[in-house]
Amino acid sequence: MTGIRSAVAQPEVTNDARKNGALVRKLMRQSAAGKARLVQFPEGLLSGYPKEQLADWSEVDWPAVRDELVGCR
């Protein structure tokens, strides 16, 4: 039998992209330790959820989000 083991993560999301990025990496390591090759995260995890945590999208630290995305390669 062939297949791929996957994991689903529903972490607490903040409006701090660097904190969210660190959490993503931690959860990816935990998932890999459980032999998962794919991890599903919620949409908007890195930037946070502006409608709930910020007044609008202009408050998102986009350079930090970009850095976290590049760091995950």
N, C-alpha and C. Protein backbone atom coordinates (compact mmCIF):
# COMPACT_ATOMS: atom_id res chain seq x y z
N MET A 1 0.84 -1.18 0.00
CA MET A 1 0.00 0.00 0.00
C MET A 1 0.89 1.25 0.00
N THR A 2 0.56 2.18 -0.84
CA THR A 2 1.31 3.43 -0.88
C THR A 2 0.38 4.55 -0.44
N GLY A 3 0.97 5.63 -0.01
CA GLY A 3 0.18 6.77 0.41
C GLY A 3 1.05 7.83 1.03
N ILE A 4 0.41 8.82 1.55
CA ILE A 4 1.12 9.92 2.19
C ILE A 4 0.43 10.21 3.52
N ARG A 5 1.22 10.33 4.56
CA ARG A 5 0.67 10.66 5.87
C ARG A 5 0.57 12.17 5.96
N SER A 6 -0.58 12.66 6.39
CA SER A 6 -0.78 14.10 6.51
C SER A 6 -1.18 14.47 7.93
N ALA A 7 -1.04 15.74 8.23
CA ALA A 7 -1.43 16.28 9.53
C ALA A 7 -2.24 17.55 9.29
N VAL A 8 -3.12 17.84 10.21
CA VAL A 8 -3.91 19.07 10.16
C VAL A 8 -3.62 19.85 11.44
N ALA A 9 -3.29 21.12 11.29
CA ALA A 9 -2.96 21.96 12.45
C ALA A 9 -3.96 23.11 12.55
N GLN A 10 -4.45 23.36 13.74
CA GLN A 10 -5.35 24.48 14.00
C GLN A 10 -4.80 25.25 15.20
N PRO A 11 -3.64 25.91 15.01
CA PRO A 11 -3.02 26.62 16.13
C PRO A 11 -3.72 27.94 16.43
N GLU A 12 -3.42 28.47 17.60
CA GLU A 12 -3.90 29.81 17.95
C GLU A 12 -3.13 30.81 17.09
N VAL A 13 -3.85 31.66 16.40
CA VAL A 13 -3.25 32.62 15.47
C VAL A 13 -3.20 33.99 16.14
N THR A 14 -2.04 34.65 16.01
CA THR A 14 -1.89 36.01 16.53
C THR A 14 -1.74 36.98 15.37
N ASN A 15 -1.60 38.24 15.66
CA ASN A 15 -1.33 39.22 14.59
C ASN A 15 0.17 39.48 14.45
N ASP A 16 1.00 38.62 15.01
CA ASP A 16 2.46 38.72 14.96
C ASP A 16 2.99 37.65 13.99
N ALA A 17 3.36 38.07 12.78
CA ALA A 17 3.80 37.13 11.75
C ALA A 17 5.01 36.31 12.18
N ARG A 18 5.92 36.90 12.91
CA ARG A 18 7.13 36.16 13.33
C ARG A 18 6.78 35.08 14.35
N LYS A 19 5.89 35.40 15.27
CA LYS A 19 5.43 34.41 16.25
C LYS A 19 4.68 33.28 15.54
N ASN A 20 3.82 33.64 14.60
CA ASN A 20 3.08 32.64 13.85
C ASN A 20 4.03 31.76 13.04
N GLY A 21 5.05 32.37 12.42
CA GLY A 21 6.03 31.61 11.64
C GLY A 21 6.80 30.62 12.50
N ALA A 22 7.18 31.04 13.69
CA ALA A 22 7.89 30.14 14.61
C ALA A 22 6.99 28.96 14.99
N LEU A 23 5.71 29.24 15.19
CA LEU A 23 4.77 28.18 15.54
C LEU A 23 4.59 27.21 14.36
N VAL A 24 4.52 27.74 13.15
CA VAL A 24 4.40 26.89 11.97
C VAL A 24 5.59 25.94 11.89
N ARG A 25 6.79 26.46 12.06
CA ARG A 25 7.98 25.61 11.99
C ARG A 25 7.97 24.53 13.08
N LYS A 26 7.55 24.91 14.28
CA LYS A 26 7.46 23.95 15.39
C LYS A 26 6.47 22.83 15.04
N LEU A 27 5.30 23.21 14.54
CA LEU A 27 4.29 22.22 14.20
C LEU A 27 4.71 21.36 13.01
N MET A 28 5.47 21.94 12.09
CA MET A 28 5.99 21.15 10.97
C MET A 28 6.99 20.10 11.48
N ARG A 29 7.85 20.49 12.42
CA ARG A 29 8.80 19.52 12.99
C ARG A 29 8.06 18.40 13.74
N GLN A 30 7.03 18.77 14.52
CA GLN A 30 6.26 17.76 15.24
C GLN A 30 5.56 16.81 14.27
N SER A 31 5.01 17.37 13.21
CA SER A 31 4.33 16.54 12.21
C SER A 31 5.31 15.60 11.53
N ALA A 32 6.49 16.10 11.20
CA ALA A 32 7.51 15.26 10.56
C ALA A 32 7.95 14.15 11.51
N ALA A 33 8.04 14.46 12.80
CA ALA A 33 8.41 13.42 13.77
C ALA A 33 7.35 12.32 13.81
N GLY A 34 6.11 12.67 13.49
CA GLY A 34 5.04 11.68 13.40
C GLY A 34 4.93 11.08 12.01
N LYS A 35 5.92 11.31 11.18
CA LYS A 35 6.03 10.77 9.82
C LYS A 35 5.06 11.41 8.82
N ALA A 36 4.50 12.57 9.15
CA ALA A 36 3.65 13.29 8.19
C ALA A 36 4.54 13.96 7.15
N ARG A 37 4.10 13.92 5.90
CA ARG A 37 4.83 14.57 4.81
C ARG A 37 4.09 15.81 4.33
N LEU A 38 2.90 16.04 4.83
CA LEU A 38 2.07 17.16 4.43
C LEU A 38 1.35 17.69 5.66
N VAL A 39 1.38 19.00 5.85
CA VAL A 39 0.66 19.61 6.97
C VAL A 39 -0.27 20.68 6.42
N GLN A 40 -1.52 20.63 6.81
CA GLN A 40 -2.49 21.64 6.40
C GLN A 40 -2.63 22.66 7.53
N PHE A 41 -2.43 23.92 7.18
CA PHE A 41 -2.60 25.02 8.13
C PHE A 41 -3.77 25.89 7.67
N PRO A 42 -4.35 26.66 8.59
CA PRO A 42 -5.45 27.53 8.19
C PRO A 42 -5.00 28.67 7.28
N GLU A 43 -5.89 29.09 6.43
CA GLU A 43 -5.63 30.24 5.57
C GLU A 43 -5.38 31.47 6.45
N GLY A 44 -4.42 32.27 6.06
CA GLY A 44 -4.14 33.51 6.79
C GLY A 44 -3.35 33.32 8.07
N LEU A 45 -2.77 32.15 8.27
CA LEU A 45 -2.07 31.87 9.52
C LEU A 45 -0.91 32.82 9.78
N LEU A 46 -0.08 33.08 8.78
CA LEU A 46 1.09 33.92 9.02
C LEU A 46 0.72 35.37 9.33
N SER A 47 -0.20 35.92 8.57
CA SER A 47 -0.54 37.34 8.78
C SER A 47 -1.50 37.55 9.94
N GLY A 48 -2.17 36.51 10.36
CA GLY A 48 -3.24 36.66 11.35
C GLY A 48 -4.54 36.92 10.62
N TYR A 49 -5.57 37.17 11.37
CA TYR A 49 -6.90 37.40 10.78
C TYR A 49 -7.27 38.85 10.99
N PRO A 50 -6.96 39.73 10.03
CA PRO A 50 -7.19 41.16 10.22
C PRO A 50 -8.60 41.54 10.66
N LYS A 51 -9.61 40.87 10.15
CA LYS A 51 -10.98 41.24 10.55
C LYS A 51 -11.20 41.04 12.03
N GLU A 52 -10.51 40.08 12.62
CA GLU A 52 -10.68 39.78 14.03
C GLU A 52 -9.62 40.43 14.92
N GLN A 53 -8.41 40.66 14.38
CA GLN A 53 -7.29 41.09 15.22
C GLN A 53 -6.75 42.47 14.88
N LEU A 54 -7.07 42.97 13.70
CA LEU A 54 -6.53 44.26 13.26
C LEU A 54 -7.66 45.10 12.69
N ALA A 55 -7.45 46.40 12.64
CA ALA A 55 -8.47 47.28 12.06
C ALA A 55 -8.62 47.04 10.56
N ASP A 56 -7.50 46.86 9.85
CA ASP A 56 -7.56 46.54 8.42
C ASP A 56 -6.23 45.94 7.96
N TRP A 57 -6.20 45.54 6.69
CA TRP A 57 -5.03 44.85 6.14
C TRP A 57 -3.77 45.71 6.15
N SER A 58 -3.90 47.01 6.21
CA SER A 58 -2.70 47.86 6.21
C SER A 58 -1.88 47.71 7.49
N GLU A 59 -2.47 47.13 8.52
CA GLU A 59 -1.76 46.93 9.79
C GLU A 59 -0.93 45.63 9.81
N VAL A 60 -1.08 44.81 8.79
CA VAL A 60 -0.29 43.57 8.72
C VAL A 60 1.17 43.92 8.43
N ASP A 61 2.08 43.28 9.12
CA ASP A 61 3.51 43.47 8.90
C ASP A 61 3.93 42.61 7.70
N TRP A 62 3.66 43.10 6.49
CA TRP A 62 3.91 42.32 5.27
C TRP A 62 5.37 41.94 5.08
N PRO A 63 6.34 42.81 5.40
CA PRO A 63 7.74 42.36 5.28
C PRO A 63 8.04 41.15 6.18
N ALA A 64 7.45 41.13 7.38
CA ALA A 64 7.66 39.99 8.27
C ALA A 64 7.01 38.73 7.70
N VAL A 65 5.81 38.87 7.13
CA VAL A 65 5.14 37.73 6.50
C VAL A 65 6.00 37.19 5.37
N ARG A 66 6.53 38.09 4.55
CA ARG A 66 7.39 37.69 3.42
C ARG A 66 8.64 36.97 3.94
N ASP A 67 9.26 37.51 4.98
CA ASP A 67 10.45 36.87 5.56
C ASP A 67 10.14 35.47 6.05
N GLU A 68 8.99 35.30 6.69
CA GLU A 68 8.61 34.00 7.21
C GLU A 68 8.35 33.01 6.08
N LEU A 69 7.75 33.47 5.00
CA LEU A 69 7.51 32.60 3.85
C LEU A 69 8.82 32.16 3.22
N VAL A 70 9.76 33.07 3.10
CA VAL A 70 11.07 32.74 2.51
C VAL A 70 11.82 31.80 3.46
N GLY A 71 11.70 32.01 4.76
CA GLY A 71 12.38 31.19 5.75
C GLY A 71 11.87 29.76 5.81
N CYS A 72 10.66 29.52 5.31
CA CYS A 72 10.07 28.18 5.35
C CYS A 72 10.50 27.32 4.17
N ARG A 73 11.28 27.85 3.26
CA ARG A 73 11.71 27.06 2.08
C ARG A 73 12.71 26.02 2.47
